[in-house]
Amino acid sequence: MRQRIPLPTGIPFRAEALRQEEAFLFRRVADQGRAVLGVGVLQDGERPRFDAQGRSTDWFMGHLAYGYKDRLEPLGSRLHDAFGWPLSHWFIPRWVYEWQGDDLTLYAYPDDAAAGIGLAHAMAGPPAAGAARVPIDWRPAMSRAEYLHAAGALMAAIQRGDIYEVNLCTAHEAVVPGFDPFAAFDRLLADTDAPFAGFLRMGTGFALCASPERFLAMNDRRMAGEPMKGTRPRGRSAAEDQRLARELALDAKERSENVMAVDVMRNDLARVSVPGSVRVTELCGVRSYPRVHQLVSAMEAERRTDVDPFTAVEAAFPMASMTGAPKFRAMQLIDAAEARARGLYSGTMGFFAPDGTADLNVVIRTVLFDQVSSRLSIPTGSALTAQCDPSAEWDECLVKLNSIAHALTAP
């Protein structure tokens, strides 16, 4: 049984303290004043395990890559994930650190607690001198012309009535020898204040995630989802900022995208929920972050007793905000249109805790890094509907790129 060890108040999460660790996952849950860090691997597999009450048998932390859709539906892909993320990977950490506000608790097995306390003291130490930031030459995986051509094919499918909405993604890539993912994530978190941020390492693969979007949260049988569709940059003045937020709130095209994502997720959750328990608690609210405004809706549902939490996640995966409507046909068309496999992007990373809580984000606003090849990728996406201007959607992808790339290179 794990010991619960209170640690000194005020120890921050500091990524640079994890340099010697080969596997970890950090996840922030800002609206609960909570963050969880799992370090090391005691056991791993493709699924978390739960007891008869639906609570996880230990802490489980991990991810689902976008390609996990092919295990849930009769789908396939012509695209190869160059980063090689497993479709599903969940591990029981050696140590778990949980922040609640400024309070930090370590969960460790008795014979391993001292080393876990030592790592906490490393996070409490003074920050190392920041590495010099160098310009990064981001190259698009699709040119603007190629993006518009792919968007045109998807718009034709919308006009035919095959789909109503679809999320088209591209990526910008670079090779940066000596890139420091630890210092970069500390900067990224400070720069974006992302509420559902995550930092994942599996050997030589890293994901630096500044996600503003929750996929699914759980508290025993209560489930909550928050689909997000609609983006505007922050303004350069207070007046411009207010104008952009108001414009986003009233934009008919952005609202229609959001409502379609809500409808898809309501349908997904209804498959695993007590009949009549799915309800929308917020529709098209504007949430503002340091670099962007986002249009977010919220819903809740009660999980059925015959469905375990991971099966409930599978019912809603991939998330409606990153696919389209109808979801199955949208996913088929996405694979034909995009130039790169999404890999971990459009997937989820998070945790299941023994107290019955869980939180899984949407992997967006994310830097993917392979330490062997020094390859970096920032995928971005935007939704296409009958009302959209594809050139404006390309520009939205660039807004999302710059909201992340800025933190890696700005002084």
Protein backbone atom coordinates (compact mmCIF):
# COMPACT_ATOMS: atom_id res chain seq x y z
CA MET A 1 0.00 0.00 0.00
CA ARG A 2 1.27 3.46 -0.86
CA GLN A 3 2.12 5.85 1.93
CA ARG A 4 0.66 9.35 1.82
CA ILE A 5 3.52 11.72 2.71
CA PRO A 6 2.84 15.46 3.10
CA LEU A 7 5.74 17.54 1.79
CA PRO A 8 6.69 21.13 2.61
CA THR A 9 4.21 23.71 1.33
CA GLY A 10 5.18 25.79 -1.68
CA ILE A 11 7.28 23.29 -3.66
CA PRO A 12 6.56 24.10 -7.34
CA PHE A 13 6.51 21.77 -10.30
CA ARG A 14 9.79 22.27 -12.12
CA ALA A 15 10.39 20.18 -15.24
CA GLU A 16 14.16 20.56 -15.12
CA ALA A 17 14.25 18.39 -11.96
CA LEU A 18 13.16 15.42 -14.10
CA ARG A 19 16.17 15.31 -16.44
CA GLN A 20 17.38 11.93 -15.18
CA GLU A 21 13.95 10.29 -15.31
CA GLU A 22 13.19 8.12 -18.34
CA ALA A 23 9.40 8.12 -17.97
CA PHE A 24 6.97 10.58 -16.42
CA LEU A 25 3.71 12.40 -16.96
CA PHE A 26 2.74 15.75 -15.45
CA ARG A 27 -0.86 16.97 -15.79
CA ARG A 28 -2.29 20.25 -14.61
CA VAL A 29 -5.98 20.61 -13.66
CA ALA A 30 -6.15 24.33 -13.07
CA ASP A 31 -9.88 24.71 -12.39
CA GLN A 32 -9.45 22.38 -9.40
CA GLY A 33 -6.20 23.97 -8.21
CA ARG A 34 -4.69 20.54 -8.80
CA ALA A 35 -1.74 18.99 -10.60
CA VAL A 36 -0.46 15.41 -10.69
CA LEU A 37 3.01 14.10 -11.58
CA GLY A 38 3.76 10.40 -12.02
CA VAL A 39 7.44 9.42 -12.25
CA GLY A 40 8.95 6.05 -13.14
CA VAL A 41 7.18 2.87 -14.21
CA LEU A 42 6.31 0.04 -11.83
CA GLN A 43 3.91 -1.64 -14.27
CA ASP A 44 2.56 -0.68 -17.65
CA GLY A 45 0.02 -1.85 -20.16
CA GLU A 46 -2.68 -0.75 -22.57
CA ARG A 47 -5.53 -0.23 -20.07
CA PRO A 48 -5.94 0.97 -16.49
CA ARG A 49 -7.53 -1.47 -14.03
CA PHE A 50 -10.57 -0.80 -11.84
CA ASP A 51 -12.27 -2.43 -8.87
CA ALA A 52 -15.94 -3.41 -8.66
CA GLN A 53 -16.89 0.18 -7.72
CA GLY A 54 -15.16 1.60 -10.80
CA ARG A 55 -12.19 3.07 -8.94
CA SER A 56 -8.67 2.50 -10.28
CA THR A 57 -6.68 -0.08 -8.34
CA ASP A 58 -3.66 2.28 -8.16
CA TRP A 59 -2.65 5.53 -9.80
CA PHE A 60 -2.66 5.07 -13.58
CA MET A 61 -1.18 7.70 -15.87
CA GLY A 62 -0.90 7.62 -19.63
CA HIS A 63 -2.23 8.51 -23.04
CA LEU A 64 -4.29 7.52 -26.04
CA ALA A 65 -2.95 8.48 -29.47
CA TYR A 66 -5.36 9.60 -32.16
CA GLY A 67 -4.86 6.31 -34.03
CA TYR A 68 -6.57 4.45 -31.18
CA LYS A 69 -9.74 5.23 -33.15
CA ASP A 70 -8.86 2.27 -35.39
CA ARG A 71 -9.42 -0.09 -32.45
CA LEU A 72 -12.81 1.42 -31.70
CA GLU A 73 -14.23 1.68 -35.22
CA PRO A 74 -13.64 -0.18 -38.54
CA LEU A 75 -11.10 2.42 -39.63
CA GLY A 76 -7.50 2.42 -40.82
CA SER A 77 -4.89 4.92 -41.92
CA ARG A 78 -2.55 5.36 -44.85
CA LEU A 79 -0.32 7.60 -42.67
CA HIS A 80 2.60 6.57 -40.44
CA ASP A 81 3.39 8.22 -37.11
CA ALA A 82 7.05 9.23 -37.40
CA PHE A 83 7.23 9.77 -33.62
CA GLY A 84 6.12 6.22 -32.89
CA TRP A 85 3.73 6.89 -29.99
CA PRO A 86 1.96 3.74 -28.75
CA LEU A 87 -1.76 3.87 -29.44
CA SER A 88 -2.50 3.30 -25.76
CA HIS A 89 -0.07 3.31 -22.85
CA TRP A 90 -0.98 3.45 -19.14
CA PHE A 91 1.50 3.00 -16.33
CA ILE A 92 1.55 2.72 -12.56
CA PRO A 93 4.16 5.29 -11.48
CA ARG A 94 6.93 4.64 -9.00
CA TRP A 95 6.11 7.96 -7.30
CA VAL A 96 3.05 10.17 -7.55
CA TYR A 97 3.11 13.83 -6.56
CA GLU A 98 -0.18 15.67 -6.14
CA TRP A 99 -0.49 19.43 -5.75
CA GLN A 100 -3.63 20.93 -4.24
CA GLY A 101 -3.00 24.64 -4.32
CA ASP A 102 0.40 25.12 -2.65
CA ASP A 103 0.19 21.82 -0.76
CA LEU A 104 2.16 18.88 -2.12
CA THR A 105 1.69 15.20 -1.25
CA LEU A 106 3.87 12.26 -2.25
CA TYR A 107 2.32 8.80 -2.72
CA ALA A 108 5.04 6.16 -2.55
CA TYR A 109 5.59 2.61 -1.41
CA PRO A 110 7.38 2.47 1.98
CA ASP A 111 10.71 1.09 0.75
CA ASP A 112 10.95 3.77 -1.95
CA ALA A 113 9.72 6.88 -0.16
CA ALA A 114 13.12 8.39 0.64
CA ALA A 115 14.14 8.63 -3.03
CA GLY A 116 10.77 10.20 -3.87
CA ILE A 117 11.27 12.83 -1.17
CA GLY A 118 14.69 13.54 -2.68
CA LEU A 119 13.15 14.29 -6.07
CA ALA A 120 10.70 16.70 -4.43
CA HIS A 121 13.63 18.56 -2.85
CA ALA A 122 15.20 18.81 -6.33
CA MET A 123 12.03 20.54 -7.57
CA ALA A 124 12.24 22.89 -4.59
CA GLY A 125 15.81 23.94 -5.41
CA PRO A 126 16.72 27.13 -7.26
CA PRO A 127 15.98 27.07 -11.00
CA ALA A 128 18.90 26.40 -13.28
CA ALA A 129 20.13 29.12 -15.60
CA GLY A 130 17.96 29.10 -18.69
CA ALA A 131 19.49 27.81 -21.89
CA ALA A 132 19.94 30.38 -24.64
CA ARG A 133 16.98 30.46 -26.97
CA VAL A 134 17.76 30.08 -30.63
CA PRO A 135 15.55 30.89 -33.60
CA ILE A 136 13.63 27.88 -34.90
CA ASP A 137 12.98 27.59 -38.62
CA TRP A 138 9.48 26.07 -38.72
CA ARG A 139 8.63 24.44 -42.03
CA PRO A 140 5.00 23.60 -42.92
CA ALA A 141 4.16 19.96 -43.60
CA MET A 142 1.57 21.38 -46.03
CA SER A 143 2.03 24.59 -47.94
CA ARG A 144 -0.81 27.10 -47.85
CA ALA A 145 -1.79 26.01 -51.37
CA GLU A 146 -1.79 22.33 -50.36
CA TYR A 147 -3.86 23.11 -47.28
CA LEU A 148 -6.42 25.02 -49.36
CA HIS A 149 -6.58 22.15 -51.87
CA ALA A 150 -7.27 19.64 -49.05
CA ALA A 151 -9.80 22.02 -47.54
CA GLY A 152 -11.51 22.31 -50.92
CA ALA A 153 -11.95 18.55 -51.13
CA LEU A 154 -13.46 18.49 -47.64
CA MET A 155 -15.70 21.46 -48.43
CA ALA A 156 -17.00 19.52 -51.44
CA ALA A 157 -17.88 16.64 -49.09
CA ILE A 158 -19.78 19.12 -46.92
CA GLN A 159 -21.65 20.45 -49.96
CA ARG A 160 -22.59 16.86 -50.92
CA GLY A 161 -23.99 16.32 -47.45
CA ASP A 162 -21.46 13.63 -46.48
CA ILE A 163 -20.51 15.63 -43.37
CA TYR A 164 -21.48 18.88 -41.67
CA GLU A 165 -18.15 19.74 -40.06
CA VAL A 166 -14.60 18.39 -40.13
CA ASN A 167 -11.34 19.28 -38.39
CA LEU A 168 -8.44 19.62 -40.84
CA CYS A 169 -4.96 19.49 -39.30
CA THR A 170 -1.49 20.26 -40.52
CA ALA A 171 1.87 20.67 -38.79
CA HIS A 172 4.98 22.82 -38.74
CA GLU A 173 8.26 20.99 -38.24
CA ALA A 174 11.91 21.67 -37.49
CA VAL A 175 15.14 19.89 -36.62
CA VAL A 176 16.88 21.50 -33.64
CA PRO A 177 19.98 19.72 -32.32
CA GLY A 178 20.41 20.36 -28.62
CA PHE A 179 16.77 21.28 -28.03
CA ASP A 180 16.07 21.23 -24.28
CA PRO A 181 12.53 19.94 -23.66
CA PHE A 182 12.77 20.49 -19.89
CA ALA A 183 13.58 24.19 -20.02
CA ALA A 184 11.16 24.57 -22.94
CA PHE A 185 8.23 23.12 -21.00
CA ASP A 186 8.91 25.32 -17.97
CA ARG A 187 8.84 28.33 -20.32
CA LEU A 188 5.77 27.07 -22.16
CA LEU A 189 3.77 26.61 -18.97
CA ALA A 190 4.75 30.03 -17.67
CA ASP A 191 3.99 31.71 -21.01
CA THR A 192 0.59 30.10 -21.69
CA ASP A 193 -0.78 29.32 -18.21
CA ALA A 194 -2.57 26.44 -19.95
CA PRO A 195 -5.21 24.99 -17.62
CA PHE A 196 -4.88 21.39 -18.82
CA ALA A 197 -1.16 21.35 -19.60
CA GLY A 198 0.82 18.13 -19.72
CA PHE A 199 4.45 17.05 -20.01
CA LEU A 200 5.05 13.46 -21.08
CA ARG A 201 8.24 11.52 -21.57
CA MET A 202 8.55 7.96 -22.83
CA GLY A 203 12.23 7.22 -23.35
CA THR A 204 13.39 9.50 -26.17
CA GLY A 205 9.90 10.80 -27.00
CA PHE A 206 8.51 13.98 -25.43
CA ALA A 207 5.21 15.84 -25.62
CA LEU A 208 5.09 19.40 -24.29
CA CYS A 209 1.39 20.16 -24.10
CA ALA A 210 -0.15 23.57 -23.36
CA SER A 211 -3.73 22.41 -23.77
CA PRO A 212 -6.60 24.77 -22.97
CA GLU A 213 -9.15 21.96 -23.49
CA ARG A 214 -10.49 19.26 -21.20
CA PHE A 215 -11.67 16.07 -22.87
CA LEU A 216 -13.26 14.27 -19.93
CA ALA A 217 -13.11 14.54 -16.14
CA MET A 218 -14.57 12.07 -13.66
CA ASN A 219 -15.49 12.03 -10.01
CA ASP A 220 -16.73 8.50 -9.35
CA ARG A 221 -19.73 8.18 -11.68
CA ARG A 222 -20.02 11.87 -12.53
CA MET A 223 -18.46 12.73 -15.90
CA ALA A 224 -17.79 16.18 -17.32
CA GLY A 225 -16.72 17.15 -20.84
CA GLU A 226 -15.77 20.55 -22.25
CA PRO A 227 -15.63 20.64 -26.06
CA MET A 228 -13.84 23.69 -27.40
CA LYS A 229 -14.31 25.16 -30.88
CA GLY A 230 -13.56 28.77 -31.81
CA THR A 231 -10.37 30.80 -31.37
CA ARG A 232 -9.30 34.44 -31.50
CA PRO A 233 -5.88 35.95 -30.66
CA ARG A 234 -5.60 38.31 -27.69
CA GLY A 235 -5.70 42.00 -28.57
CA ARG A 236 -2.80 44.43 -28.34
CA SER A 237 -4.91 46.84 -26.29
CA ALA A 238 -7.74 46.42 -23.81
CA ALA A 239 -10.24 47.77 -26.32
CA GLU A 240 -9.05 45.47 -29.11
CA ASP A 241 -9.01 42.50 -26.70
CA GLN A 242 -12.61 43.11 -25.68
CA ARG A 243 -13.62 43.49 -29.32
CA LEU A 244 -12.03 40.15 -30.26
CA ALA A 245 -13.66 38.34 -27.34
CA ARG A 246 -17.07 39.81 -28.22
CA GLU A 247 -16.56 38.96 -31.90
CA LEU A 248 -15.81 35.35 -30.96
CA ALA A 249 -18.87 35.10 -28.72
CA LEU A 250 -21.17 36.35 -31.50
CA ASP A 251 -19.56 34.65 -34.53
CA ALA A 252 -22.27 32.45 -36.10
CA LYS A 253 -19.77 30.15 -37.79
CA GLU A 254 -17.74 29.56 -34.59
CA ARG A 255 -20.91 28.96 -32.57
CA SER A 256 -22.22 26.44 -35.10
CA GLU A 257 -18.92 24.51 -34.92
CA ASN A 258 -19.13 24.49 -31.15
CA VAL A 259 -22.75 23.35 -31.07
CA MET A 260 -22.01 20.50 -33.49
CA ALA A 261 -19.15 19.32 -31.27
CA VAL A 262 -21.50 19.47 -28.28
CA ASP A 263 -24.11 17.39 -30.10
CA VAL A 264 -21.55 14.72 -31.05
CA MET A 265 -20.18 14.47 -27.51
CA ARG A 266 -23.69 14.35 -26.01
CA ASN A 267 -24.42 11.39 -28.28
CA ASP A 268 -21.12 9.69 -27.34
CA LEU A 269 -21.69 10.06 -23.61
CA ALA A 270 -25.31 8.93 -23.86
CA ARG A 271 -24.04 5.48 -24.90
CA VAL A 272 -22.47 4.91 -21.46
CA SER A 273 -24.60 7.11 -19.21
CA VAL A 274 -27.74 6.74 -17.13
CA PRO A 275 -30.63 7.64 -19.46
CA GLY A 276 -31.58 11.28 -19.15
CA SER A 277 -28.44 12.26 -17.22
CA VAL A 278 -26.57 13.99 -20.06
CA ARG A 279 -27.07 17.75 -19.88
CA VAL A 280 -25.32 20.85 -21.21
CA THR A 281 -24.32 23.18 -18.38
CA GLU A 282 -22.66 25.92 -20.48
CA LEU A 283 -23.00 26.70 -24.17
CA CYS A 284 -20.45 28.77 -26.09
CA GLY A 285 -18.77 30.59 -23.23
CA VAL A 286 -15.64 32.67 -23.90
CA ARG A 287 -12.56 31.74 -21.85
CA SER A 288 -9.46 33.90 -22.12
CA TYR A 289 -5.85 32.75 -21.81
CA PRO A 290 -2.60 34.72 -22.14
CA ARG A 291 -2.41 34.39 -25.93
CA VAL A 292 -5.89 33.34 -27.14
CA HIS A 293 -9.63 33.57 -26.49
CA GLN A 294 -11.49 30.24 -26.78
CA LEU A 295 -15.16 29.32 -27.19
CA VAL A 296 -15.98 26.50 -24.75
CA SER A 297 -19.10 24.53 -23.83
CA ALA A 298 -19.57 22.17 -20.89
CA MET A 299 -21.70 19.11 -20.20
CA GLU A 300 -22.07 16.46 -17.54
CA ALA A 301 -23.46 12.93 -17.33
CA GLU A 302 -23.71 10.02 -14.88
CA ARG A 303 -21.77 6.89 -15.87
CA ARG A 304 -23.73 3.65 -15.75
CA THR A 305 -22.64 1.13 -13.10
CA ASP A 306 -21.98 -1.57 -15.72
CA VAL A 307 -19.45 0.64 -17.55
CA ASP A 308 -15.93 1.17 -16.20
CA PRO A 309 -14.28 4.60 -16.55
CA PHE A 310 -11.93 3.60 -19.36
CA THR A 311 -14.78 2.18 -21.43
CA ALA A 312 -16.56 5.52 -20.96
CA VAL A 313 -13.46 7.28 -22.31
CA GLU A 314 -13.42 4.96 -25.31
CA ALA A 315 -17.08 5.78 -26.05
CA ALA A 316 -16.21 9.46 -26.55
CA PHE A 317 -12.81 8.99 -28.23
CA PRO A 318 -11.55 10.61 -30.39
CA MET A 319 -13.06 13.82 -29.09
CA ALA A 320 -15.74 15.55 -31.13
CA SER A 321 -13.82 18.83 -31.28
CA MET A 322 -10.95 17.20 -33.23
CA THR A 323 -12.96 15.07 -35.67
CA GLY A 324 -16.28 16.29 -37.05
CA ALA A 325 -19.91 15.41 -37.61
CA PRO A 326 -20.91 12.73 -38.32
CA LYS A 327 -17.76 11.55 -36.58
CA PHE A 328 -17.14 8.24 -38.39
CA ARG A 329 -17.34 9.70 -41.90
CA ALA A 330 -15.33 12.74 -40.83
CA MET A 331 -12.51 10.50 -39.62
CA GLN A 332 -12.46 8.66 -42.93
CA LEU A 333 -12.16 11.91 -44.86
CA ILE A 334 -9.53 13.30 -42.48
CA ASP A 335 -7.21 10.41 -43.25
CA ALA A 336 -7.53 11.02 -46.99
CA ALA A 337 -6.91 14.77 -46.67
CA GLU A 338 -4.08 15.19 -44.18
CA ALA A 339 -0.37 14.93 -44.96
CA ARG A 340 0.92 13.64 -41.58
CA ALA A 341 -0.30 11.11 -39.07
CA ARG A 342 -1.57 12.95 -36.01
CA GLY A 343 0.09 10.54 -33.59
CA LEU A 344 -0.37 11.81 -30.05
CA TYR A 345 -1.89 15.07 -31.34
CA SER A 346 -5.71 14.96 -31.12
CA GLY A 347 -5.33 12.22 -28.54
CA THR A 348 -5.45 12.58 -24.78
CA MET A 349 -3.14 12.36 -21.77
CA GLY A 350 -4.18 12.16 -18.16
CA PHE A 351 -4.67 10.07 -15.05
CA PHE A 352 -7.04 7.83 -13.09
CA ALA A 353 -6.66 8.17 -9.31
CA PRO A 354 -7.65 5.64 -6.63
CA ASP A 355 -10.06 8.18 -5.11
CA GLY A 356 -12.34 7.82 -8.16
CA THR A 357 -11.24 11.00 -9.91
CA ALA A 358 -9.75 11.26 -13.37
CA ASP A 359 -8.84 14.04 -15.77
CA LEU A 360 -8.00 13.69 -19.46
CA ASN A 361 -7.14 16.60 -21.72
CA VAL A 362 -7.19 17.14 -25.47
CA VAL A 363 -3.65 17.04 -26.84
CA ILE A 364 -3.53 20.32 -28.72
CA ARG A 365 -1.16 23.33 -28.58
CA THR A 366 1.59 20.73 -28.26
CA VAL A 367 5.24 20.38 -29.20
CA LEU A 368 6.27 16.83 -30.10
CA PHE A 369 9.99 16.09 -29.82
CA ASP A 370 12.13 13.09 -30.68
CA GLN A 371 15.47 13.21 -28.87
CA VAL A 372 17.25 10.87 -31.30
CA SER A 373 16.47 12.76 -34.51
CA SER A 374 16.13 16.22 -32.84
CA ARG A 375 12.85 16.53 -34.74
CA LEU A 376 10.19 18.94 -33.49
CA SER A 377 6.59 19.18 -34.65
CA ILE A 378 3.74 21.51 -33.72
CA PRO A 379 0.49 20.22 -35.24
CA THR A 380 -2.47 22.58 -35.48
CA GLY A 381 -6.00 22.28 -36.78
CA SER A 382 -9.18 24.18 -37.50
CA ALA A 383 -12.76 23.25 -38.30
CA LEU A 384 -14.35 23.50 -41.74
CA THR A 385 -18.08 24.07 -42.16
CA ALA A 386 -20.28 25.22 -45.03
CA GLN A 387 -19.95 28.80 -43.75
CA CYS A 388 -16.17 28.91 -43.41
CA ASP A 389 -13.46 30.62 -45.44
CA PRO A 390 -10.61 28.08 -45.76
CA SER A 391 -8.00 30.83 -46.01
CA ALA A 392 -9.18 32.15 -42.62
CA GLU A 393 -8.88 28.61 -41.20
CA TRP A 394 -5.25 28.49 -42.41
CA ASP A 395 -4.67 31.78 -40.60
CA GLU A 396 -6.24 30.31 -37.45
CA CYS A 397 -3.75 27.42 -37.62
CA LEU A 398 -0.95 30.00 -37.69
CA VAL A 399 -2.41 31.79 -34.64
CA LYS A 400 -2.34 28.49 -32.76
CA LEU A 401 1.20 27.73 -33.95
CA ASN A 402 2.47 31.13 -32.83
CA SER A 403 0.81 30.83 -29.42
CA ILE A 404 3.15 27.88 -28.75
CA ALA A 405 6.22 28.67 -30.85
CA HIS A 406 6.57 32.08 -29.15
CA ALA A 407 7.35 30.45 -25.80
CA LEU A 408 10.19 28.42 -27.32
CA THR A 409 12.03 31.32 -28.92
CA ALA A 410 11.05 34.63 -27.28
CA PRO A 411 13.67 36.19 -25.01
